[in-house]
């Protein structure tokens, strides 16, 4: 299970707003326990390619990992948005997720792109759906 704090959800929403109408992408950082990971912040990737697909450069993953480590945190998931509003993984997403280290979170919004974000999470490797909850 992945719990996303209100602060992390707000940072994720800001990343989606800043990237719109393109896909936003980056990492969720926080702490991982035995049965649950808690995302405390969202770090947008700088210079990432995100048009219909996304790619986070290796140097950006290292920067985000170092940022988290300096605060006693770790990367708990990779996020990207689907501006179309569909939370399902694309074929390209599924192919890439087979080689992923972290779960993926897909952020969407209702038609019109306003309001709160919704999140769907998928396990690395087999892309099975994971429980994700935004703290209220």
N, C-alpha and C. Protein backbone atom coordinates (compact mmCIF):
# COMPACT_ATOMS: atom_id res chain seq x y z
N UNK A 1 0.83 -1.17 0.00
CA UNK A 1 0.00 0.00 0.00
C UNK A 1 0.89 1.25 0.00
N UNK A 2 0.40 2.28 -0.67
CA UNK A 2 1.09 3.57 -0.70
C UNK A 2 0.15 4.62 -0.13
N UNK A 3 0.59 5.29 0.93
CA UNK A 3 -0.15 6.42 1.48
C UNK A 3 0.53 7.69 1.02
N UNK A 4 -0.25 8.64 0.56
CA UNK A 4 0.27 9.92 0.07
C UNK A 4 -0.26 11.01 1.00
N UNK A 5 0.65 11.76 1.62
CA UNK A 5 0.22 12.82 2.51
C UNK A 5 -0.42 13.95 1.72
N UNK A 6 -1.13 14.79 2.43
CA UNK A 6 -1.77 15.95 1.77
C UNK A 6 -0.72 16.85 1.13
N UNK A 7 0.42 17.02 1.81
CA UNK A 7 1.50 17.86 1.27
C UNK A 7 2.05 17.26 -0.02
N UNK A 8 2.25 15.95 -0.05
CA UNK A 8 2.75 15.30 -1.27
C UNK A 8 1.72 15.39 -2.39
N UNK A 9 0.44 15.23 -2.06
CA UNK A 9 -0.62 15.35 -3.07
C UNK A 9 -0.66 16.76 -3.65
N UNK A 10 -0.47 17.77 -2.79
CA UNK A 10 -0.46 19.16 -3.26
C UNK A 10 0.73 19.40 -4.18
N UNK A 11 1.91 18.88 -3.82
CA UNK A 11 3.09 19.03 -4.67
C UNK A 11 2.91 18.29 -6.00
N UNK A 12 2.26 17.15 -5.97
CA UNK A 12 1.98 16.40 -7.18
C UNK A 12 1.00 17.16 -8.08
N UNK A 13 -0.02 17.75 -7.47
CA UNK A 13 -0.99 18.56 -8.22
C UNK A 13 -0.30 19.76 -8.87
N UNK A 14 0.63 20.40 -8.14
CA UNK A 14 1.37 21.54 -8.70
C UNK A 14 2.23 21.10 -9.88
N UNK A 15 2.86 19.94 -9.78
CA UNK A 15 3.67 19.43 -10.89
C UNK A 15 2.81 19.17 -12.11
N UNK A 16 1.62 18.62 -11.90
CA UNK A 16 0.71 18.36 -13.02
C UNK A 16 0.25 19.67 -13.66
N UNK A 17 -0.07 20.66 -12.82
CA UNK A 17 -0.50 21.97 -13.33
C UNK A 17 0.61 22.63 -14.15
N UNK A 18 1.84 22.56 -13.65
CA UNK A 18 2.97 23.20 -14.33
C UNK A 18 3.26 22.55 -15.67
N UNK A 19 3.04 21.24 -15.78
CA UNK A 19 3.34 20.53 -17.03
C UNK A 19 2.20 20.56 -18.03
N UNK A 20 1.00 20.82 -17.57
CA UNK A 20 -0.19 20.75 -18.44
C UNK A 20 -0.02 21.64 -19.67
N UNK A 21 -0.37 21.17 -20.84
CA UNK A 21 -1.14 19.95 -21.16
C UNK A 21 -0.26 18.72 -21.38
N UNK A 22 1.04 18.82 -21.14
CA UNK A 22 1.92 17.65 -21.28
C UNK A 22 1.84 16.80 -20.01
N UNK A 23 2.47 15.63 -20.08
CA UNK A 23 2.55 14.77 -18.90
C UNK A 23 3.58 15.34 -17.93
N UNK A 24 3.25 15.27 -16.65
CA UNK A 24 4.22 15.56 -15.60
C UNK A 24 4.87 14.24 -15.21
N UNK A 25 6.10 14.30 -14.71
CA UNK A 25 6.73 13.08 -14.21
C UNK A 25 7.77 13.45 -13.18
N UNK A 26 8.07 12.48 -12.32
CA UNK A 26 9.04 12.69 -11.26
C UNK A 26 8.96 11.55 -10.27
N UNK A 27 9.32 11.84 -9.03
CA UNK A 27 9.31 10.80 -8.00
C UNK A 27 8.52 11.26 -6.79
N UNK A 28 8.03 10.30 -6.05
CA UNK A 28 7.46 10.52 -4.73
C UNK A 28 8.51 10.04 -3.74
N UNK A 29 8.80 10.86 -2.75
CA UNK A 29 9.81 10.51 -1.76
C UNK A 29 9.16 10.44 -0.39
N UNK A 30 9.70 9.55 0.43
CA UNK A 30 9.14 9.37 1.77
C UNK A 30 9.85 8.26 2.50
N UNK A 31 9.05 7.47 3.19
CA UNK A 31 9.59 6.35 3.98
C UNK A 31 8.84 5.09 3.64
N UNK A 32 9.58 4.00 3.66
CA UNK A 32 9.01 2.70 3.34
C UNK A 32 9.02 1.82 4.59
N UNK A 33 7.87 1.21 4.90
CA UNK A 33 7.77 0.27 6.00
C UNK A 33 7.57 -1.13 5.44
N UNK A 34 7.27 -2.07 6.32
CA UNK A 34 7.09 -3.46 5.89
C UNK A 34 5.89 -3.61 4.95
N UNK A 35 4.77 -2.98 5.29
CA UNK A 35 3.55 -3.15 4.50
C UNK A 35 3.05 -1.89 3.81
N UNK A 36 3.69 -0.76 4.10
CA UNK A 36 3.20 0.50 3.56
C UNK A 36 4.38 1.44 3.29
N UNK A 37 4.24 2.19 2.22
CA UNK A 37 5.17 3.29 1.94
C UNK A 37 4.38 4.58 2.11
N UNK A 38 5.04 5.58 2.67
CA UNK A 38 4.38 6.88 2.88
C UNK A 38 5.11 7.92 2.05
N UNK A 39 4.41 8.52 1.10
CA UNK A 39 4.97 9.58 0.27
C UNK A 39 4.77 10.91 0.98
N UNK A 40 5.88 11.60 1.24
CA UNK A 40 5.84 12.88 1.95
C UNK A 40 6.00 14.08 1.04
N UNK A 41 6.53 13.86 -0.17
CA UNK A 41 6.74 14.97 -1.11
C UNK A 41 6.81 14.42 -2.53
N UNK A 42 6.55 15.27 -3.48
CA UNK A 42 6.66 14.93 -4.90
C UNK A 42 7.72 15.83 -5.52
N UNK A 43 8.66 15.21 -6.24
CA UNK A 43 9.74 15.95 -6.88
C UNK A 43 9.59 15.84 -8.39
N UNK A 44 9.22 16.92 -9.07
CA UNK A 44 9.13 16.86 -10.53
C UNK A 44 10.52 16.70 -11.15
N UNK A 45 10.59 15.96 -12.22
CA UNK A 45 11.86 15.77 -12.93
C UNK A 45 12.12 16.99 -13.81
N UNK A 46 13.34 17.44 -13.80
CA UNK A 46 13.75 18.56 -14.67
C UNK A 46 14.22 17.98 -16.00
N UNK A 47 13.81 18.60 -17.09
CA UNK A 47 14.30 18.20 -18.40
C UNK A 47 13.86 16.82 -18.84
N UNK A 48 12.76 16.34 -18.28
CA UNK A 48 12.27 15.01 -18.66
C UNK A 48 11.47 15.12 -19.95
N UNK A 49 11.56 14.09 -20.77
CA UNK A 49 10.74 14.01 -21.98
C UNK A 49 9.39 13.44 -21.58
N UNK A 50 8.31 14.15 -21.90
CA UNK A 50 6.98 13.70 -21.48
C UNK A 50 5.91 14.08 -22.49
N UNK A 51 5.98 13.54 -23.68
CA UNK A 51 4.95 13.77 -24.70
C UNK A 51 4.42 12.42 -25.15
N UNK A 52 3.31 11.99 -24.55
CA UNK A 52 2.73 10.71 -24.88
C UNK A 52 3.44 9.55 -24.21
N UNK A 53 4.64 9.79 -23.75
CA UNK A 53 5.43 8.84 -22.97
C UNK A 53 6.36 9.70 -22.13
N UNK A 54 6.95 9.12 -21.12
CA UNK A 54 7.86 9.93 -20.31
C UNK A 54 9.16 9.19 -20.10
N UNK A 55 10.19 9.96 -19.90
CA UNK A 55 11.51 9.41 -19.59
C UNK A 55 12.21 10.36 -18.64
N UNK A 56 12.63 9.83 -17.50
CA UNK A 56 13.36 10.63 -16.53
C UNK A 56 14.84 10.33 -16.71
N UNK A 57 15.65 11.34 -17.04
CA UNK A 57 17.09 11.10 -17.23
C UNK A 57 17.74 10.54 -15.96
N UNK A 58 18.75 9.71 -16.14
CA UNK A 58 19.46 9.10 -15.02
C UNK A 58 20.01 10.12 -14.04
N UNK A 59 20.55 11.25 -14.56
CA UNK A 59 21.09 12.26 -13.65
C UNK A 59 20.00 12.88 -12.78
N UNK A 60 18.76 12.93 -13.30
CA UNK A 60 17.65 13.46 -12.51
C UNK A 60 17.26 12.48 -11.40
N UNK A 61 17.25 11.19 -11.72
CA UNK A 61 16.96 10.20 -10.68
C UNK A 61 18.02 10.25 -9.58
N UNK A 62 19.27 10.44 -9.96
CA UNK A 62 20.34 10.57 -8.95
C UNK A 62 20.14 11.84 -8.11
N UNK A 63 19.76 12.94 -8.75
CA UNK A 63 19.52 14.19 -8.02
C UNK A 63 18.39 14.02 -7.02
N UNK A 64 17.29 13.41 -7.47
CA UNK A 64 16.13 13.24 -6.59
C UNK A 64 16.45 12.27 -5.45
N UNK A 65 17.21 11.23 -5.75
CA UNK A 65 17.61 10.27 -4.72
C UNK A 65 18.50 10.94 -3.67
N UNK A 66 19.43 11.78 -4.13
CA UNK A 66 20.32 12.50 -3.21
C UNK A 66 19.53 13.49 -2.37
N UNK A 67 18.59 14.21 -2.99
CA UNK A 67 17.75 15.17 -2.26
C UNK A 67 17.01 14.44 -1.14
N UNK A 68 16.42 13.31 -1.48
CA UNK A 68 15.69 12.52 -0.49
C UNK A 68 16.64 12.02 0.60
N UNK A 69 17.77 11.45 0.20
CA UNK A 69 18.72 10.91 1.16
C UNK A 69 19.23 11.94 2.15
N UNK A 70 19.44 13.17 1.68
CA UNK A 70 19.89 14.25 2.56
C UNK A 70 18.86 14.60 3.63
N UNK A 71 17.64 14.17 3.43
CA UNK A 71 16.55 14.44 4.38
C UNK A 71 16.10 13.17 5.11
N UNK A 72 16.87 12.10 4.96
CA UNK A 72 16.52 10.85 5.62
C UNK A 72 15.35 10.14 4.96
N UNK A 73 15.12 10.45 3.68
CA UNK A 73 14.01 9.85 2.93
C UNK A 73 14.56 9.01 1.79
N UNK A 74 13.66 8.39 1.05
CA UNK A 74 14.04 7.61 -0.13
C UNK A 74 12.94 7.73 -1.18
N UNK A 75 13.26 7.39 -2.39
CA UNK A 75 12.25 7.34 -3.45
C UNK A 75 11.34 6.15 -3.15
N UNK A 76 10.03 6.41 -3.10
CA UNK A 76 9.08 5.33 -2.84
C UNK A 76 8.25 5.00 -4.08
N UNK A 77 8.23 5.88 -5.07
CA UNK A 77 7.49 5.63 -6.31
C UNK A 77 7.90 6.64 -7.37
N UNK A 78 7.66 6.28 -8.61
CA UNK A 78 7.80 7.19 -9.74
C UNK A 78 6.38 7.61 -10.11
N UNK A 79 6.19 8.89 -10.44
CA UNK A 79 4.86 9.32 -10.86
C UNK A 79 4.91 9.89 -12.27
N UNK A 80 3.79 9.81 -12.93
CA UNK A 80 3.56 10.58 -14.14
C UNK A 80 2.06 10.81 -14.26
N UNK A 81 1.70 11.81 -15.03
CA UNK A 81 0.29 12.13 -15.19
C UNK A 81 -0.21 11.65 -16.53
N UNK A 82 -1.50 11.45 -16.58
CA UNK A 82 -2.20 11.17 -17.83
C UNK A 82 -3.20 12.30 -18.03
N UNK A 83 -2.83 13.33 -18.80
CA UNK A 83 -3.72 14.46 -19.01
C UNK A 83 -5.07 14.07 -19.63
N UNK A 84 -5.12 12.90 -20.26
CA UNK A 84 -6.38 12.42 -20.85
C UNK A 84 -7.40 12.08 -19.77
N UNK A 85 -6.95 11.86 -18.55
CA UNK A 85 -7.86 11.50 -17.47
C UNK A 85 -8.00 10.00 -17.27
N UNK A 86 -7.41 9.19 -18.13
CA UNK A 86 -7.51 7.73 -18.02
C UNK A 86 -6.39 7.21 -17.12
N UNK A 87 -6.72 6.50 -16.03
CA UNK A 87 -5.69 6.04 -15.11
C UNK A 87 -4.99 4.75 -15.55
N UNK A 88 -5.48 4.10 -16.58
CA UNK A 88 -4.89 2.83 -17.01
C UNK A 88 -3.54 3.06 -17.65
N UNK A 89 -2.68 2.05 -17.50
CA UNK A 89 -1.35 2.11 -18.11
C UNK A 89 -1.46 1.90 -19.62
N UNK A 90 -0.65 2.61 -20.36
CA UNK A 90 -0.55 2.38 -21.80
C UNK A 90 0.33 1.16 -22.03
N UNK A 91 0.38 0.68 -23.25
CA UNK A 91 1.26 -0.43 -23.59
C UNK A 91 2.71 -0.08 -23.34
N UNK A 92 3.11 1.16 -23.67
CA UNK A 92 4.48 1.60 -23.40
C UNK A 92 4.77 1.63 -21.90
N UNK A 93 3.77 2.08 -21.11
CA UNK A 93 3.93 2.09 -19.66
C UNK A 93 4.17 0.68 -19.15
N UNK A 94 3.36 -0.27 -19.59
CA UNK A 94 3.49 -1.67 -19.13
C UNK A 94 4.86 -2.25 -19.49
N UNK A 95 5.30 -1.96 -20.72
CA UNK A 95 6.61 -2.45 -21.14
C UNK A 95 7.72 -1.89 -20.26
N UNK A 96 7.68 -0.59 -19.99
CA UNK A 96 8.72 0.04 -19.18
C UNK A 96 8.64 -0.41 -17.72
N UNK A 97 7.44 -0.62 -17.23
CA UNK A 97 7.26 -1.02 -15.83
C UNK A 97 7.85 -2.40 -15.55
N UNK A 98 7.99 -3.22 -16.56
CA UNK A 98 8.61 -4.53 -16.38
C UNK A 98 10.04 -4.42 -15.85
N UNK A 99 10.69 -3.31 -16.15
CA UNK A 99 12.09 -3.10 -15.76
C UNK A 99 12.24 -2.08 -14.63
N UNK A 100 11.13 -1.64 -14.06
CA UNK A 100 11.16 -0.58 -13.05
C UNK A 100 11.64 -1.10 -11.69
N UNK A 101 12.21 -0.20 -10.93
CA UNK A 101 12.67 -0.49 -9.57
C UNK A 101 11.56 -0.14 -8.57
N UNK A 102 10.84 0.94 -8.82
CA UNK A 102 9.82 1.45 -7.90
C UNK A 102 8.44 1.29 -8.50
N UNK A 103 7.41 1.30 -7.65
CA UNK A 103 6.03 1.35 -8.17
C UNK A 103 5.84 2.63 -8.98
N UNK A 104 4.85 2.58 -9.85
CA UNK A 104 4.47 3.77 -10.62
C UNK A 104 3.12 4.26 -10.14
N UNK A 105 2.99 5.57 -10.07
CA UNK A 105 1.73 6.21 -9.73
C UNK A 105 1.32 7.05 -10.92
N UNK A 106 0.07 6.88 -11.33
CA UNK A 106 -0.49 7.67 -12.43
C UNK A 106 -1.47 8.67 -11.82
N UNK A 107 -1.23 9.95 -12.08
CA UNK A 107 -2.09 11.02 -11.58
C UNK A 107 -3.01 11.48 -12.70
N UNK A 108 -4.30 11.58 -12.38
CA UNK A 108 -5.29 12.03 -13.36
C UNK A 108 -6.22 13.04 -12.70
N UNK A 109 -6.98 13.69 -13.56
CA UNK A 109 -8.03 14.60 -13.11
C UNK A 109 -9.28 14.32 -13.93
N UNK A 110 -10.41 14.72 -13.40
CA UNK A 110 -11.67 14.57 -14.12
C UNK A 110 -11.62 15.41 -15.39
N UNK A 111 -12.54 15.15 -16.29
CA UNK A 111 -12.62 15.91 -17.54
C UNK A 111 -12.56 17.40 -17.26
N UNK A 112 -11.81 18.11 -18.07
CA UNK A 112 -11.65 19.54 -17.89
C UNK A 112 -10.39 19.89 -17.13
N UNK A 113 -9.77 18.92 -16.49
CA UNK A 113 -8.48 19.12 -15.84
C UNK A 113 -8.49 19.99 -14.61
N UNK A 114 -9.64 20.16 -13.97
CA UNK A 114 -9.67 20.96 -12.75
C UNK A 114 -10.03 20.08 -11.57
N UNK A 115 -9.86 20.59 -10.40
CA UNK A 115 -10.22 19.83 -9.21
C UNK A 115 -9.08 18.98 -8.70
N UNK A 116 -9.43 18.10 -7.79
CA UNK A 116 -8.44 17.25 -7.14
C UNK A 116 -7.91 16.19 -8.10
N UNK A 117 -6.73 15.70 -7.78
CA UNK A 117 -6.15 14.62 -8.57
C UNK A 117 -6.64 13.28 -8.02
N UNK A 118 -6.66 12.30 -8.89
CA UNK A 118 -6.89 10.92 -8.51
C UNK A 118 -5.61 10.16 -8.81
N UNK A 119 -5.34 9.15 -8.02
CA UNK A 119 -4.11 8.38 -8.19
C UNK A 119 -4.42 6.90 -8.39
N UNK A 120 -3.66 6.28 -9.27
CA UNK A 120 -3.66 4.84 -9.45
C UNK A 120 -2.21 4.40 -9.33
N UNK A 121 -1.97 3.26 -8.69
CA UNK A 121 -0.60 2.79 -8.50
C UNK A 121 -0.45 1.38 -9.05
N UNK A 122 0.76 1.09 -9.55
CA UNK A 122 1.05 -0.19 -10.19
C UNK A 122 2.41 -0.70 -9.71
N UNK A 123 2.47 -2.01 -9.50
CA UNK A 123 3.69 -2.65 -9.00
C UNK A 123 4.74 -2.76 -10.09
N UNK A 124 6.01 -2.61 -9.72
CA UNK A 124 7.08 -2.83 -10.70
C UNK A 124 7.07 -4.30 -11.12
N UNK A 125 7.48 -4.55 -12.33
CA UNK A 125 7.54 -5.93 -12.84
C UNK A 125 6.26 -6.34 -13.51
N UNK A 126 5.25 -6.71 -12.72
CA UNK A 126 4.03 -7.27 -13.32
C UNK A 126 2.90 -6.26 -13.50
N UNK A 127 3.07 -5.04 -13.05
CA UNK A 127 2.09 -3.95 -13.23
C UNK A 127 0.75 -4.22 -12.55
N UNK A 128 0.74 -5.08 -11.53
CA UNK A 128 -0.53 -5.32 -10.84
C UNK A 128 -0.92 -4.05 -10.09
N UNK A 129 -2.22 -3.77 -10.00
CA UNK A 129 -2.68 -2.57 -9.27
C UNK A 129 -2.30 -2.66 -7.79
N UNK A 130 -1.90 -1.54 -7.25
CA UNK A 130 -1.57 -1.43 -5.84
C UNK A 130 -2.55 -0.47 -5.18
N UNK A 131 -2.80 -0.67 -3.90
CA UNK A 131 -3.66 0.26 -3.18
C UNK A 131 -2.90 1.55 -2.93
N UNK A 132 -3.54 2.66 -3.25
CA UNK A 132 -2.95 3.98 -2.99
C UNK A 132 -4.03 4.85 -2.39
N UNK A 133 -3.67 5.61 -1.37
CA UNK A 133 -4.64 6.43 -0.66
C UNK A 133 -4.04 7.79 -0.35
N UNK A 134 -4.78 8.84 -0.70
CA UNK A 134 -4.37 10.20 -0.32
C UNK A 134 -4.97 10.47 1.05
N UNK A 135 -4.14 10.86 2.00
CA UNK A 135 -4.64 11.17 3.33
C UNK A 135 -5.51 12.41 3.28
N UNK A 136 -6.59 12.37 3.96
CA UNK A 136 -7.55 13.49 3.97
C UNK A 136 -7.43 14.29 5.24
